[in-house]
């Protein structure tokens, strides 16, 4: 996420605590937060996609979702 968008999220959060936000600012804040969370989740997923578990014999197994059986 662009640094300017992160700064805007922080500005809106501070303004919200100080004096409150207009409806337009609340929508902007919600949109920016949703974008931030989506990017964060994508980054975590990409990291997990590259994780392997190594057993005591040195065999590597790709990390799977908990509900996947094989």
C-alpha atoms as a PDB file:
ATOM      1  CA  UNK A   1       0.000   0.000   0.000  1.00  0.00           C
ATOM      2  CA  UNK A   2       1.254   3.467  -0.829  1.00  0.00           C
ATOM      3  CA  UNK A   3       2.712   5.456   2.041  1.00  0.00           C
ATOM      4  CA  UNK A   4       0.315   8.321   1.274  1.00  0.00           C
ATOM      5  CA  UNK A   5      -2.679   6.018   1.793  1.00  0.00           C
ATOM      6  CA  UNK A   6      -1.281   4.789   5.116  1.00  0.00           C
ATOM      7  CA  UNK A   7      -0.801   8.384   6.220  1.00  0.00           C
ATOM      8  CA  UNK A   8      -4.385   9.161   5.218  1.00  0.00           C
ATOM      9  CA  UNK A   9      -5.672   6.212   7.274  1.00  0.00           C
ATOM     10  CA  UNK A  10      -3.784   7.585  10.281  1.00  0.00           C
ATOM     11  CA  UNK A  11      -5.015  11.146   9.665  1.00  0.00           C
ATOM     12  CA  UNK A  12      -8.625   9.987   9.537  1.00  0.00           C
ATOM     13  CA  UNK A  13      -8.183   7.894  12.687  1.00  0.00           C
ATOM     14  CA  UNK A  14      -6.740  10.877  14.557  1.00  0.00           C
ATOM     15  CA  UNK A  15      -9.461  13.196  13.311  1.00  0.00           C
ATOM     16  CA  UNK A  16     -12.095  10.649  14.295  1.00  0.00           C
ATOM     17  CA  UNK A  17     -10.785  10.638  17.870  1.00  0.00           C
ATOM     18  CA  UNK A  18     -10.492  14.434  18.021  1.00  0.00           C
ATOM     19  CA  UNK A  19     -13.671  15.703  16.428  1.00  0.00           C
ATOM     20  CA  UNK A  20     -15.429  12.982  14.482  1.00  0.00           C
ATOM     21  CA  UNK A  21     -15.722  12.355  10.768  1.00  0.00           C
ATOM     22  CA  UNK A  22     -18.194  13.380   8.109  1.00  0.00           C
ATOM     23  CA  UNK A  23     -20.093  10.639   6.294  1.00  0.00           C
ATOM     24  CA  UNK A  24     -17.804  11.079   3.286  1.00  0.00           C
ATOM     25  CA  UNK A  25     -14.711  10.706   5.485  1.00  0.00           C
ATOM     26  CA  UNK A  26     -16.179   7.624   7.167  1.00  0.00           C
ATOM     27  CA  UNK A  27     -16.677   6.009   3.761  1.00  0.00           C
ATOM     28  CA  UNK A  28     -13.142   6.949   2.698  1.00  0.00           C
ATOM     29  CA  UNK A  29     -11.778   5.502   5.944  1.00  0.00           C
ATOM     30  CA  UNK A  30     -13.721   2.253   5.477  1.00  0.00           C
ATOM     31  CA  UNK A  31     -12.535   1.940   1.858  1.00  0.00           C
ATOM     32  CA  UNK A  32      -8.901   2.560   2.807  1.00  0.00           C
ATOM     33  CA  UNK A  33      -9.072   0.073   5.684  1.00  0.00           C
ATOM     34  CA  UNK A  34     -10.633  -2.574   3.425  1.00  0.00           C
ATOM     35  CA  UNK A  35      -7.870  -2.044   0.858  1.00  0.00           C
ATOM     36  CA  UNK A  36      -5.199  -2.277   3.573  1.00  0.00           C
ATOM     37  CA  UNK A  37      -6.662  -5.506   4.988  1.00  0.00           C
ATOM     38  CA  UNK A  38      -6.971  -7.063   1.513  1.00  0.00           C
ATOM     39  CA  UNK A  39      -3.322  -6.309   0.759  1.00  0.00           C
ATOM     40  CA  UNK A  40      -2.243  -7.602   4.167  1.00  0.00           C
ATOM     41  CA  UNK A  41      -4.159 -10.864   3.686  1.00  0.00           C
ATOM     42  CA  UNK A  42      -2.653 -11.311   0.218  1.00  0.00           C
ATOM     43  CA  UNK A  43       0.841 -10.885   1.649  1.00  0.00           C
ATOM     44  CA  UNK A  44       0.201 -13.416   4.398  1.00  0.00           C
ATOM     45  CA  UNK A  45      -1.252 -15.891   1.891  1.00  0.00           C
ATOM     46  CA  UNK A  46       1.757 -15.493  -0.393  1.00  0.00           C
ATOM     47  CA  UNK A  47       4.069 -16.144   2.543  1.00  0.00           C
ATOM     48  CA  UNK A  48       2.137 -19.241   3.612  1.00  0.00           C
ATOM     49  CA  UNK A  49       2.146 -20.534   0.028  1.00  0.00           C
ATOM     50  CA  UNK A  50       5.940 -20.734   0.294  1.00  0.00           C
ATOM     51  CA  UNK A  51       6.117 -22.507   3.670  1.00  0.00           C
ATOM     52  CA  UNK A  52       7.246 -26.110   3.876  1.00  0.00           C
ATOM     53  CA  UNK A  53       7.371 -28.408   6.894  1.00  0.00           C
ATOM     54  CA  UNK A  54      10.460 -30.570   7.240  1.00  0.00           C
ATOM     55  CA  UNK A  55      10.150 -33.843   9.129  1.00  0.00           C
ATOM     56  CA  UNK A  56      12.891 -35.533  11.114  1.00  0.00           C
ATOM     57  CA  UNK A  57      14.048 -37.449   8.005  1.00  0.00           C
ATOM     58  CA  UNK A  58      14.529 -34.226   6.048  1.00  0.00           C
ATOM     59  CA  UNK A  59      11.458 -34.635   3.848  1.00  0.00           C
ATOM     60  CA  UNK A  60       9.757 -31.391   2.914  1.00  0.00           C
ATOM     61  CA  UNK A  61       5.965 -31.166   2.799  1.00  0.00           C
ATOM     62  CA  UNK A  62       4.122 -28.122   1.529  1.00  0.00           C
ATOM     63  CA  UNK A  63       2.007 -26.441   4.175  1.00  0.00           C
ATOM     64  CA  UNK A  64      -1.703 -27.145   3.598  1.00  0.00           C
ATOM     65  CA  UNK A  65      -4.873 -25.615   4.898  1.00  0.00           C
ATOM     66  CA  UNK A  66      -6.201 -27.352   7.973  1.00  0.00           C
ATOM     67  CA  UNK A  67      -9.323 -28.652   6.213  1.00  0.00           C
ATOM     68  CA  UNK A  68      -7.309 -30.252   3.382  1.00  0.00           C
ATOM     69  CA  UNK A  69      -6.678 -33.937   3.985  1.00  0.00           C
ATOM     70  CA  UNK A  70      -4.101 -34.661   1.260  1.00  0.00           C
END
